[in-house]
Amino acid sequence: MTKSPNPGPAVAPPPPDDSVVLVTGGAGYIGSHTVLALLRAGRRVVVLDSLINASAEALRRVDALAG
């Protein structure tokens, strides 16, 4: 029995140019940093957050930082 070669890590294909990333909890600490990184990478982002443990101010700051 021969061992098959390790194909390496699975790599997802690049998303289509018109794709949008949905970030749930995007106004919280981790979510807002994720949103900022995605925007800086040129991605389109939609944020969904109940604002129970977050603030809309975080999104205003992300908007200002992302330009």
Protein backbone atom coordinates (compact mmCIF):
# COMPACT_ATOMS: atom_id res chain seq x y z
CA MET A 1 0.00 0.00 0.00
CA THR A 2 1.47 3.32 -1.05
CA LYS A 3 0.88 6.49 0.81
CA SER A 4 -0.56 9.36 -1.22
CA PRO A 5 1.45 12.60 -1.11
CA ASN A 6 0.26 15.31 1.24
CA PRO A 7 -1.61 17.85 -0.93
CA GLY A 8 -0.83 20.63 1.55
CA PRO A 9 -3.33 23.03 3.09
CA ALA A 10 -6.62 23.60 1.34
CA VAL A 11 -6.70 26.98 -0.34
CA ALA A 12 -9.98 28.65 -1.16
CA PRO A 13 -10.24 30.25 -4.59
CA PRO A 14 -10.25 34.04 -4.62
CA PRO A 15 -13.72 35.54 -4.28
CA PRO A 16 -15.37 37.19 -7.26
CA ASP A 17 -14.77 40.92 -7.48
CA ASP A 18 -18.40 41.73 -6.66
CA SER A 19 -18.52 39.66 -3.47
CA VAL A 20 -19.58 41.15 -0.15
CA VAL A 21 -18.46 39.96 3.28
CA LEU A 22 -21.10 39.82 6.02
CA VAL A 23 -19.61 40.47 9.47
CA THR A 24 -21.95 39.66 12.32
CA GLY A 25 -21.05 41.47 15.51
CA GLY A 26 -19.08 43.97 13.45
CA ALA A 27 -19.49 46.83 15.94
CA GLY A 28 -17.78 44.96 18.77
CA TYR A 29 -14.06 44.92 19.51
CA ILE A 30 -13.07 41.91 17.40
CA GLY A 31 -15.68 42.56 14.72
CA SER A 32 -14.70 46.20 14.21
CA HIS A 33 -11.04 45.26 13.83
CA THR A 34 -12.02 42.56 11.36
CA VAL A 35 -14.14 45.03 9.39
CA LEU A 36 -11.27 47.51 9.28
CA ALA A 37 -8.86 44.84 8.00
CA LEU A 38 -11.32 43.73 5.33
CA LEU A 39 -11.93 47.30 4.17
CA ARG A 40 -8.21 48.00 4.01
CA ALA A 41 -7.85 44.85 1.91
CA GLY A 42 -10.33 46.32 -0.56
CA ARG A 43 -13.28 44.12 0.32
CA ARG A 44 -16.91 45.24 0.45
CA VAL A 45 -18.39 44.73 3.91
CA VAL A 46 -21.87 44.62 5.43
CA VAL A 47 -22.09 44.77 9.23
CA LEU A 48 -24.92 43.22 11.21
CA ASP A 49 -24.91 43.96 14.94
CA SER A 50 -27.64 44.27 17.59
CA LEU A 51 -25.52 46.87 19.45
CA ILE A 52 -26.35 45.18 22.76
CA ASN A 53 -22.67 44.84 23.72
CA ALA A 54 -21.23 47.21 21.12
CA SER A 55 -21.43 50.78 19.93
CA ALA A 56 -22.28 52.47 16.67
CA GLU A 57 -19.37 54.79 17.50
CA ALA A 58 -17.01 51.91 16.74
CA LEU A 59 -18.33 51.78 13.18
CA ARG A 60 -17.97 55.54 12.80
CA ARG A 61 -14.33 55.20 13.84
CA VAL A 62 -13.77 52.30 11.46
CA ASP A 63 -15.25 54.42 8.67
CA ALA A 64 -12.89 57.29 9.52
CA LEU A 65 -9.85 55.00 9.70
CA ALA A 66 -10.69 53.16 6.50
CA GLY A 67 -11.14 56.41 4.62
